[in-house]
Amino acid sequence: MVQSLNNRLTRIAITAFLLALAGWLSQAVAADLVLSWIDNSNNETGFLIDRKTGVNGTFAQIAAVGANVTTYVDIGLLVGTAFCNRALL
C-alpha cells in the first residue's frame, strides 16, 4: 500500500501526540494539603506533624511547628492517594 507523505506525517504526529499524552498521564500529579487544628493547650513548645499513607500505614514525622501554630501545608502529595495526618504536642 502506498501512502502520501502528508498522510504518513499525520499518522506520525498523532502517534507522537498519543505517546506524549500517555507519558503525561503516567507522571505523578502533586497537590498540597492544608492541615489545621485547634490549639487547646497553653503550655506547648510546638507540635509535631505526622503522616501515614492510607489507613493501615505507619505514622512518620514530616514536620515540626512552633508554639501556638495551628496550620501546616503538606506539599507535593500524590493526587488520588489517601493520607492520614496528626499533630502531636
PDB file of N, CA and C in Angstrom:
ATOM      1  N   MET A   1       0.844  -1.163   0.000  1.00  0.00           N
ATOM      2  CA  MET A   1       0.000   0.000   0.000  1.00  0.00           C
ATOM      3  C   MET A   1       0.899   1.239   0.000  1.00  0.00           C
ATOM      4  N   VAL A   2       0.607   2.166  -0.877  1.00  0.00           N
ATOM      5  CA  VAL A   2       1.361   3.407  -0.978  1.00  0.00           C
ATOM      6  C   VAL A   2       0.551   4.514  -0.320  1.00  0.00           C
ATOM      7  N   GLN A   3       1.212   5.266   0.542  1.00  0.00           N
ATOM      8  CA  GLN A   3       0.532   6.373   1.220  1.00  0.00           C
ATOM      9  C   GLN A   3       1.214   7.675   0.838  1.00  0.00           C
ATOM     10  N   SER A   4       0.452   8.721   0.861  1.00  0.00           N
ATOM     11  CA  SER A   4       1.037  10.017   0.567  1.00  0.00           C
ATOM     12  C   SER A   4       1.893  10.465   1.751  1.00  0.00           C
ATOM     13  N   LEU A   5       2.829  11.333   1.473  1.00  0.00           N
ATOM     14  CA  LEU A   5       3.693  11.861   2.524  1.00  0.00           C
ATOM     15  C   LEU A   5       2.871  12.574   3.587  1.00  0.00           C
ATOM     16  N   ASN A   6       1.857  13.330   3.178  1.00  0.00           N
ATOM     17  CA  ASN A   6       1.017  14.063   4.116  1.00  0.00           C
ATOM     18  C   ASN A   6       0.291  13.113   5.061  1.00  0.00           C
ATOM     19  N   ASN A   7      -0.232  12.019   4.551  1.00  0.00           N
ATOM     20  CA  ASN A   7      -0.940  11.041   5.371  1.00  0.00           C
ATOM     21  C   ASN A   7       0.023  10.406   6.381  1.00  0.00           C
ATOM     22  N   ARG A   8       1.232  10.098   5.957  1.00  0.00           N
ATOM     23  CA  ARG A   8       2.210   9.489   6.846  1.00  0.00           C
ATOM     24  C   ARG A   8       2.624  10.467   7.938  1.00  0.00           C
ATOM     25  N   LEU A   9       2.822  11.722   7.602  1.00  0.00           N
ATOM     26  CA  LEU A   9       3.190  12.728   8.596  1.00  0.00           C
ATOM     27  C   LEU A   9       2.064  12.917   9.611  1.00  0.00           C
ATOM     28  N   THR A  10       0.821  12.860   9.136  1.00  0.00           N
ATOM     29  CA  THR A  10      -0.318  12.977  10.044  1.00  0.00           C
ATOM     30  C   THR A  10      -0.323  11.822  11.033  1.00  0.00           C
ATOM     31  N   ARG A  11      -0.064  10.599  10.536  1.00  0.00           N
ATOM     32  CA  ARG A  11      -0.027   9.439  11.418  1.00  0.00           C
ATOM     33  C   ARG A  11       1.115   9.546  12.427  1.00  0.00           C
ATOM     34  N   ILE A  12       2.266  10.030  11.983  1.00  0.00           N
ATOM     35  CA  ILE A  12       3.398  10.208  12.887  1.00  0.00           C
ATOM     36  C   ILE A  12       3.063  11.236  13.965  1.00  0.00           C
ATOM     37  N   ALA A  13       2.428  12.323  13.568  1.00  0.00           N
ATOM     38  CA  ALA A  13       2.066  13.369  14.520  1.00  0.00           C
ATOM     39  C   ALA A  13       1.056  12.850  15.538  1.00  0.00           C
ATOM     40  N   ILE A  14       0.074  12.086  15.088  1.00  0.00           N
ATOM     41  CA  ILE A  14      -0.928  11.533  16.013  1.00  0.00           C
ATOM     42  C   ILE A  14      -0.268  10.539  16.962  1.00  0.00           C
ATOM     43  N   THR A  15       0.612   9.698  16.442  1.00  0.00           N
ATOM     44  CA  THR A  15       1.319   8.726  17.278  1.00  0.00           C
ATOM     45  C   THR A  15       2.175   9.450  18.318  1.00  0.00           C
ATOM     46  N   ALA A  16       2.884  10.471  17.906  1.00  0.00           N
ATOM     47  CA  ALA A  16       3.720  11.231  18.844  1.00  0.00           C
ATOM     48  C   ALA A  16       2.859  11.891  19.910  1.00  0.00           C
ATOM     49  N   PHE A  17       1.710  12.427  19.514  1.00  0.00           N
ATOM     50  CA  PHE A  17       0.808  13.046  20.478  1.00  0.00           C
ATOM     51  C   PHE A  17       0.314  12.026  21.488  1.00  0.00           C
ATOM     52  N   LEU A  18      -0.084  10.841  21.024  1.00  0.00           N
ATOM     53  CA  LEU A  18      -0.590   9.803  21.925  1.00  0.00           C
ATOM     54  C   LEU A  18       0.498   9.313  22.873  1.00  0.00           C
ATOM     55  N   LEU A  19       1.717   9.186  22.387  1.00  0.00           N
ATOM     56  CA  LEU A  19       2.822   8.786  23.257  1.00  0.00           C
ATOM     57  C   LEU A  19       3.111   9.855  24.307  1.00  0.00           C
ATOM     58  N   ALA A  20       3.061  11.116  23.892  1.00  0.00           N
ATOM     59  CA  ALA A  20       3.273  12.206  24.853  1.00  0.00           C
ATOM     60  C   ALA A  20       2.163  12.240  25.888  1.00  0.00           C
ATOM     61  N   LEU A  21       0.931  12.035  25.448  1.00  0.00           N
ATOM     62  CA  LEU A  21      -0.205  12.020  26.365  1.00  0.00           C
ATOM     63  C   LEU A  21      -0.077  10.866  27.353  1.00  0.00           C
ATOM     64  N   ALA A  22       0.309   9.696  26.883  1.00  0.00           N
ATOM     65  CA  ALA A  22       0.490   8.544  27.764  1.00  0.00           C
ATOM     66  C   ALA A  22       1.590   8.817  28.790  1.00  0.00           C
ATOM     67  N   GLY A  23       2.659   9.461  28.369  1.00  0.00           N
ATOM     68  CA  GLY A  23       3.731   9.811  29.301  1.00  0.00           C
ATOM     69  C   GLY A  23       3.274  10.817  30.331  1.00  0.00           C
ATOM     70  N   TRP A  24       2.483  11.783  29.915  1.00  0.00           N
ATOM     71  CA  TRP A  24       1.969  12.789  30.850  1.00  0.00           C
ATOM     72  C   TRP A  24       1.032  12.152  31.857  1.00  0.00           C
ATOM     73  N   LEU A  25       0.161  11.254  31.404  1.00  0.00           N
ATOM     74  CA  LEU A  25      -0.790  10.612  32.302  1.00  0.00           C
ATOM     75  C   LEU A  25      -0.098   9.689  33.295  1.00  0.00           C
ATOM     76  N   SER A  26       1.066   9.162  32.940  1.00  0.00           N
ATOM     77  CA  SER A  26       1.756   8.241  33.834  1.00  0.00           C
ATOM     78  C   SER A  26       2.566   8.969  34.904  1.00  0.00           C
ATOM     79  N   GLN A  27       2.760  10.277  34.750  1.00  0.00           N
ATOM     80  CA  GLN A  27       3.518  11.031  35.742  1.00  0.00           C
ATOM     81  C   GLN A  27       2.665  11.298  36.966  1.00  0.00           C
ATOM     82  N   ALA A  28       3.320  11.332  38.118  1.00  0.00           N
ATOM     83  CA  ALA A  28       2.623  11.635  39.363  1.00  0.00           C
ATOM     84  C   ALA A  28       2.212  13.100  39.368  1.00  0.00           C
ATOM     85  N   VAL A  29       0.987  13.350  39.756  1.00  0.00           N
ATOM     86  CA  VAL A  29       0.489  14.707  39.870  1.00  0.00           C
ATOM     87  C   VAL A  29       0.489  15.056  41.356  1.00  0.00           C
ATOM     88  N   ALA A  30       1.104  16.167  41.697  1.00  0.00           N
ATOM     89  CA  ALA A  30       1.256  16.538  43.099  1.00  0.00           C
ATOM     90  C   ALA A  30       0.227  17.588  43.503  1.00  0.00           C
ATOM     91  N   ALA A  31      -0.141  17.556  44.774  1.00  0.00           N
ATOM     92  CA  ALA A  31      -1.078  18.527  45.325  1.00  0.00           C
ATOM     93  C   ALA A  31      -0.618  18.900  46.728  1.00  0.00           C
ATOM     94  N   ASP A  32      -1.128  20.012  47.211  1.00  0.00           N
ATOM     95  CA  ASP A  32      -0.836  20.463  48.562  1.00  0.00           C
ATOM     96  C   ASP A  32      -2.075  20.290  49.427  1.00  0.00           C
ATOM     97  N   LEU A  33      -1.861  19.977  50.685  1.00  0.00           N
ATOM     98  CA  LEU A  33      -2.953  19.784  51.634  1.00  0.00           C
ATOM     99  C   LEU A  33      -2.723  20.708  52.823  1.00  0.00           C
ATOM    100  N   VAL A  34      -3.711  21.559  53.117  1.00  0.00           N
ATOM    101  CA  VAL A  34      -3.620  22.470  54.253  1.00  0.00           C
ATOM    102  C   VAL A  34      -4.223  21.782  55.475  1.00  0.00           C
ATOM    103  N   LEU A  35      -3.400  21.581  56.488  1.00  0.00           N
ATOM    104  CA  LEU A  35      -3.846  20.975  57.740  1.00  0.00           C
ATOM    105  C   LEU A  35      -4.082  22.085  58.745  1.00  0.00           C
ATOM    106  N   SER A  36      -5.126  21.949  59.537  1.00  0.00           N
ATOM    107  CA  SER A  36      -5.367  22.920  60.606  1.00  0.00           C
ATOM    108  C   SER A  36      -5.965  22.197  61.804  1.00  0.00           C
ATOM    109  N   TRP A  37      -5.733  22.736  62.979  1.00  0.00           N
ATOM    110  CA  TRP A  37      -6.229  22.133  64.200  1.00  0.00           C
ATOM    111  C   TRP A  37      -6.476  23.215  65.229  1.00  0.00           C
ATOM    112  N   ILE A  38      -7.149  22.847  66.299  1.00  0.00           N
ATOM    113  CA  ILE A  38      -7.433  23.777  67.396  1.00  0.00           C
ATOM    114  C   ILE A  38      -6.398  23.571  68.493  1.00  0.00           C
ATOM    115  N   ASP A  39      -5.788  24.635  68.923  1.00  0.00           N
ATOM    116  CA  ASP A  39      -4.790  24.589  69.993  1.00  0.00           C
ATOM    117  C   ASP A  39      -5.507  24.773  71.329  1.00  0.00           C
ATOM    118  N   ASN A  40      -5.728  23.674  72.038  1.00  0.00           N
ATOM    119  CA  ASN A  40      -6.391  23.724  73.343  1.00  0.00           C
ATOM    120  C   ASN A  40      -5.403  23.800  74.501  1.00  0.00           C
ATOM    121  N   SER A  41      -4.129  23.844  74.203  1.00  0.00           N
ATOM    122  CA  SER A  41      -3.118  23.886  75.269  1.00  0.00           C
ATOM    123  C   SER A  41      -2.602  25.308  75.443  1.00  0.00           C
ATOM    124  N   ASN A  42      -2.008  25.555  76.597  1.00  0.00           N
ATOM    125  CA  ASN A  42      -1.441  26.884  76.842  1.00  0.00           C
ATOM    126  C   ASN A  42       0.013  26.804  77.285  1.00  0.00           C
ATOM    127  N   ASN A  43       0.601  25.620  77.183  1.00  0.00           N
ATOM    128  CA  ASN A  43       1.981  25.466  77.637  1.00  0.00           C
ATOM    129  C   ASN A  43       2.835  24.635  76.674  1.00  0.00           C
ATOM    130  N   GLU A  44       2.408  24.499  75.415  1.00  0.00           N
ATOM    131  CA  GLU A  44       3.178  23.689  74.471  1.00  0.00           C
ATOM    132  C   GLU A  44       4.402  24.448  73.981  1.00  0.00           C
ATOM    133  N   THR A  45       5.384  23.699  73.526  1.00  0.00           N
ATOM    134  CA  THR A  45       6.554  24.306  72.897  1.00  0.00           C
ATOM    135  C   THR A  45       6.458  24.198  71.380  1.00  0.00           C
ATOM    136  N   GLY A  46       5.471  23.445  70.914  1.00  0.00           N
ATOM    137  CA  GLY A  46       5.264  23.270  69.488  1.00  0.00           C
ATOM    138  C   GLY A  46       4.489  21.995  69.225  1.00  0.00           C
ATOM    139  N   PHE A  47       4.302  21.686  67.950  1.00  0.00           N
ATOM    140  CA  PHE A  47       3.579  20.486  67.547  1.00  0.00           C
ATOM    141  C   PHE A  47       4.413  19.713  66.539  1.00  0.00           C
ATOM    142  N   LEU A  48       4.342  18.397  66.620  1.00  0.00           N
ATOM    143  CA  LEU A  48       4.953  17.521  65.630  1.00  0.00           C
ATOM    144  C   LEU A  48       3.864  17.087  64.665  1.00  0.00           C
ATOM    145  N   ILE A  49       4.150  17.138  63.387  1.00  0.00           N
ATOM    146  CA  ILE A  49       3.188  16.748  62.356  1.00  0.00           C
ATOM    147  C   ILE A  49       3.612  15.382  61.808  1.00  0.00           C
ATOM    148  N   ASP A  50       2.709  14.425  61.890  1.00  0.00           N
ATOM    149  CA  ASP A  50       2.958  13.079  61.382  1.00  0.00           C
ATOM    150  C   ASP A  50       2.032  12.798  60.203  1.00  0.00           C
ATOM    151  N   ARG A  51       2.478  11.897  59.326  1.00  0.00           N
ATOM    152  CA  ARG A  51       1.669  11.494  58.181  1.00  0.00           C
ATOM    153  C   ARG A  51       1.882  10.008  57.937  1.00  0.00           C
ATOM    154  N   LYS A  52       0.820   9.347  57.492  1.00  0.00           N
ATOM    155  CA  LYS A  52       0.942   7.980  57.006  1.00  0.00           C
ATOM    156  C   LYS A  52       0.147   7.861  55.723  1.00  0.00           C
ATOM    157  N   THR A  53       0.567   6.934  54.873  1.00  0.00           N
ATOM    158  CA  THR A  53      -0.135   6.685  53.621  1.00  0.00           C
ATOM    159  C   THR A  53      -1.202   5.634  53.871  1.00  0.00           C
ATOM    160  N   GLY A  54      -2.441   5.982  53.553  1.00  0.00           N
ATOM    161  CA  GLY A  54      -3.542   5.056  53.753  1.00  0.00           C
ATOM    162  C   GLY A  54      -3.914   4.918  55.218  1.00  0.00           C
ATOM    163  N   VAL A  55      -4.887   4.077  55.466  1.00  0.00           N
ATOM    164  CA  VAL A  55      -5.373   3.879  56.826  1.00  0.00           C
ATOM    165  C   VAL A  55      -4.449   2.953  57.606  1.00  0.00           C
ATOM    166  N   ASN A  56      -3.830   1.996  56.931  1.00  0.00           N
ATOM    167  CA  ASN A  56      -3.031   0.985  57.616  1.00  0.00           C
ATOM    168  C   ASN A  56      -1.547   1.274  57.634  1.00  0.00           C
ATOM    169  N   GLY A  57      -1.137   2.425  57.130  1.00  0.00           N
ATOM    170  CA  GLY A  57       0.282   2.752  57.103  1.00  0.00           C
ATOM    171  C   GLY A  57       0.826   3.043  58.488  1.00  0.00           C
ATOM    172  N   THR A  58       2.095   3.379  58.550  1.00  0.00           N
ATOM    173  CA  THR A  58       2.765   3.719  59.802  1.00  0.00           C
ATOM    174  C   THR A  58       3.048   5.214  59.808  1.00  0.00           C
ATOM    175  N   PHE A  59       2.708   5.894  60.903  1.00  0.00           N
ATOM    176  CA  PHE A  59       2.972   7.324  61.002  1.00  0.00           C
ATOM    177  C   PHE A  59       4.468   7.594  61.047  1.00  0.00           C
ATOM    178  N   ALA A  60       4.867   8.657  60.368  1.00  0.00           N
ATOM    179  CA  ALA A  60       6.246   9.148  60.392  1.00  0.00           C
ATOM    180  C   ALA A  60       6.198  10.659  60.509  1.00  0.00           C
ATOM    181  N   GLN A  61       7.108  11.223  61.268  1.00  0.00           N
ATOM    182  CA  GLN A  61       7.138  12.678  61.433  1.00  0.00           C
ATOM    183  C   GLN A  61       7.594  13.330  60.134  1.00  0.00           C
ATOM    184  N   ILE A  62       6.842  14.360  59.703  1.00  0.00           N
ATOM    185  CA  ILE A  62       7.196  15.071  58.475  1.00  0.00           C
ATOM    186  C   ILE A  62       7.557  16.532  58.737  1.00  0.00           C
ATOM    187  N   ALA A  63       7.188  17.038  59.938  1.00  0.00           N
ATOM    188  CA  ALA A  63       7.475  18.446  60.228  1.00  0.00           C
ATOM    189  C   ALA A  63       7.302  18.713  61.718  1.00  0.00           C
ATOM    190  N   ALA A  64       7.773  19.871  62.118  1.00  0.00           N
ATOM    191  CA  ALA A  64       7.545  20.389  63.464  1.00  0.00           C
ATOM    192  C   ALA A  64       7.243  21.871  63.320  1.00  0.00           C
ATOM    193  N   VAL A  65       6.264  22.347  64.073  1.00  0.00           N
ATOM    194  CA  VAL A  65       5.908  23.774  64.050  1.00  0.00           C
ATOM    195  C   VAL A  65       5.989  24.310  65.463  1.00  0.00           C
ATOM    196  N   GLY A  66       6.083  25.615  65.591  1.00  0.00           N
ATOM    197  CA  GLY A  66       6.249  26.252  66.888  1.00  0.00           C
ATOM    198  C   GLY A  66       4.971  26.332  67.704  1.00  0.00           C
ATOM    199  N   ALA A  67       5.129  26.851  68.909  1.00  0.00           N
ATOM    200  CA  ALA A  67       4.004  27.034  69.823  1.00  0.00           C
ATOM    201  C   ALA A  67       2.962  27.962  69.195  1.00  0.00           C
ATOM    202  N   ASN A  68       1.700  27.648  69.454  1.00  0.00           N
ATOM    203  CA  ASN A  68       0.554  28.436  69.003  1.00  0.00           C
ATOM    204  C   ASN A  68       0.331  28.416  67.491  1.00  0.00           C
ATOM    205  N   VAL A  69       1.086  27.632  66.752  1.00  0.00           N
ATOM    206  CA  VAL A  69       0.855  27.466  65.319  1.00  0.00           C
ATOM    207  C   VAL A  69      -0.272  26.450  65.154  1.00  0.00           C
ATOM    208  N   THR A  70      -1.228  26.757  64.304  1.00  0.00           N
ATOM    209  CA  THR A  70      -2.384  25.857  64.145  1.00  0.00           C
ATOM    210  C   THR A  70      -2.634  25.448  62.693  1.00  0.00           C
ATOM    211  N   THR A  71      -1.664  25.680  61.809  1.00  0.00           N
ATOM    212  CA  THR A  71      -1.789  25.238  60.421  1.00  0.00           C
ATOM    213  C   THR A  71      -0.443  24.746  59.916  1.00  0.00           C
ATOM    214  N   TYR A  72      -0.514  23.878  58.925  1.00  0.00           N
ATOM    215  CA  TYR A  72       0.681  23.379  58.248  1.00  0.00           C
ATOM    216  C   TYR A  72       0.261  22.992  56.834  1.00  0.00           C
ATOM    217  N   VAL A  73       1.097  23.301  55.851  1.00  0.00           N
ATOM    218  CA  VAL A  73       0.808  22.933  54.466  1.00  0.00           C
ATOM    219  C   VAL A  73       1.711  21.766  54.085  1.00  0.00           C
ATOM    220  N   ASP A  74       1.091  20.632  53.816  1.00  0.00           N
ATOM    221  CA  ASP A  74       1.791  19.421  53.401  1.00  0.00           C
ATOM    222  C   ASP A  74       1.843  19.463  51.878  1.00  0.00           C
ATOM    223  N   ILE A  75       3.031  19.638  51.316  1.00  0.00           N
ATOM    224  CA  ILE A  75       3.154  19.890  49.877  1.00  0.00           C
ATOM    225  C   ILE A  75       3.636  18.650  49.117  1.00  0.00           C
ATOM    226  N   GLY A  76       3.314  18.635  47.843  1.00  0.00           N
ATOM    227  CA  GLY A  76       3.821  17.619  46.935  1.00  0.00           C
ATOM    228  C   GLY A  76       3.231  16.231  47.113  1.00  0.00           C
ATOM    229  N   LEU A  77       1.983  16.143  47.548  1.00  0.00           N
ATOM    230  CA  LEU A  77       1.345  14.842  47.758  1.00  0.00           C
ATOM    231  C   LEU A  77       0.822  14.277  46.447  1.00  0.00           C
ATOM    232  N   LEU A  78       0.846  12.967  46.335  1.00  0.00           N
ATOM    233  CA  LEU A  78       0.367  12.297  45.138  1.00  0.00           C
ATOM    234  C   LEU A  78      -1.154  12.326  45.103  1.00  0.00           C
ATOM    235  N   VAL A  79      -1.698  12.919  44.054  1.00  0.00           N
ATOM    236  CA  VAL A  79      -3.145  13.015  43.899  1.00  0.00           C
ATOM    237  C   VAL A  79      -3.729  11.611  43.779  1.00  0.00           C
ATOM    238  N   GLY A  80      -4.847  11.393  44.452  1.00  0.00           N
ATOM    239  CA  GLY A  80      -5.517  10.105  44.401  1.00  0.00           C
ATOM    240  C   GLY A  80      -5.045   9.122  45.449  1.00  0.00           C
ATOM    241  N   THR A  81      -4.132   9.556  46.321  1.00  0.00           N
ATOM    242  CA  THR A  81      -3.625   8.702  47.387  1.00  0.00           C
ATOM    243  C   THR A  81      -4.208   9.177  48.709  1.00  0.00           C
ATOM    244  N   ALA A  82      -4.637   8.244  49.550  1.00  0.00           N
ATOM    245  CA  ALA A  82      -5.191   8.597  50.858  1.00  0.00           C
ATOM    246  C   ALA A  82      -4.058   8.787  51.859  1.00  0.00           C
ATOM    247  N   PHE A  83      -4.143   9.875  52.627  1.00  0.00           N
ATOM    248  CA  PHE A  83      -3.161  10.161  53.665  1.00  0.00           C
ATOM    249  C   PHE A  83      -3.895  10.416  54.973  1.00  0.00           C
ATOM    250  N   CYS A  84      -3.270  10.072  56.078  1.00  0.00           N
ATOM    251  CA  CYS A  84      -3.765  10.410  57.398  1.00  0.00           C
ATOM    252  C   CYS A  84      -2.694  11.256  58.084  1.00  0.00           C
ATOM    253  N   ASN A  85      -3.105  12.325  58.723  1.00  0.00           N
ATOM    254  CA  ASN A  85      -2.169  13.201  59.416  1.00  0.00           C
ATOM    255  C   ASN A  85      -2.590  13.356  60.867  1.00  0.00           C
ATOM    256  N   ARG A  86      -1.617  13.740  61.717  1.00  0.00           N
ATOM    257  CA  ARG A  86      -1.907  14.064  63.098  1.00  0.00           C
ATOM    258  C   ARG A  86      -0.899  15.084  63.585  1.00  0.00           C
ATOM    259  N   ALA A  87      -1.334  15.907  64.526  1.00  0.00           N
ATOM    260  CA  ALA A  87      -0.454  16.882  65.166  1.00  0.00           C
ATOM    261  C   ALA A  87      -0.349  16.487  66.637  1.00  0.00           C
ATOM    262  N   LEU A  88       0.878  16.362  67.119  1.00  0.00           N
ATOM    263  CA  LEU A  88       1.126  15.944  68.499  1.00  0.00           C
ATOM    264  C   LEU A  88       1.892  17.018  69.247  1.00  0.00           C
ATOM    265  N   LEU A  89       1.638  17.105  70.526  1.00  0.00           N
ATOM    266  CA  LEU A  89       2.397  18.027  71.370  1.00  0.00           C
ATOM    267  C   LEU A  89       3.790  17.490  71.575  1.00  0.00           C
TER     268      LEU A  89
END
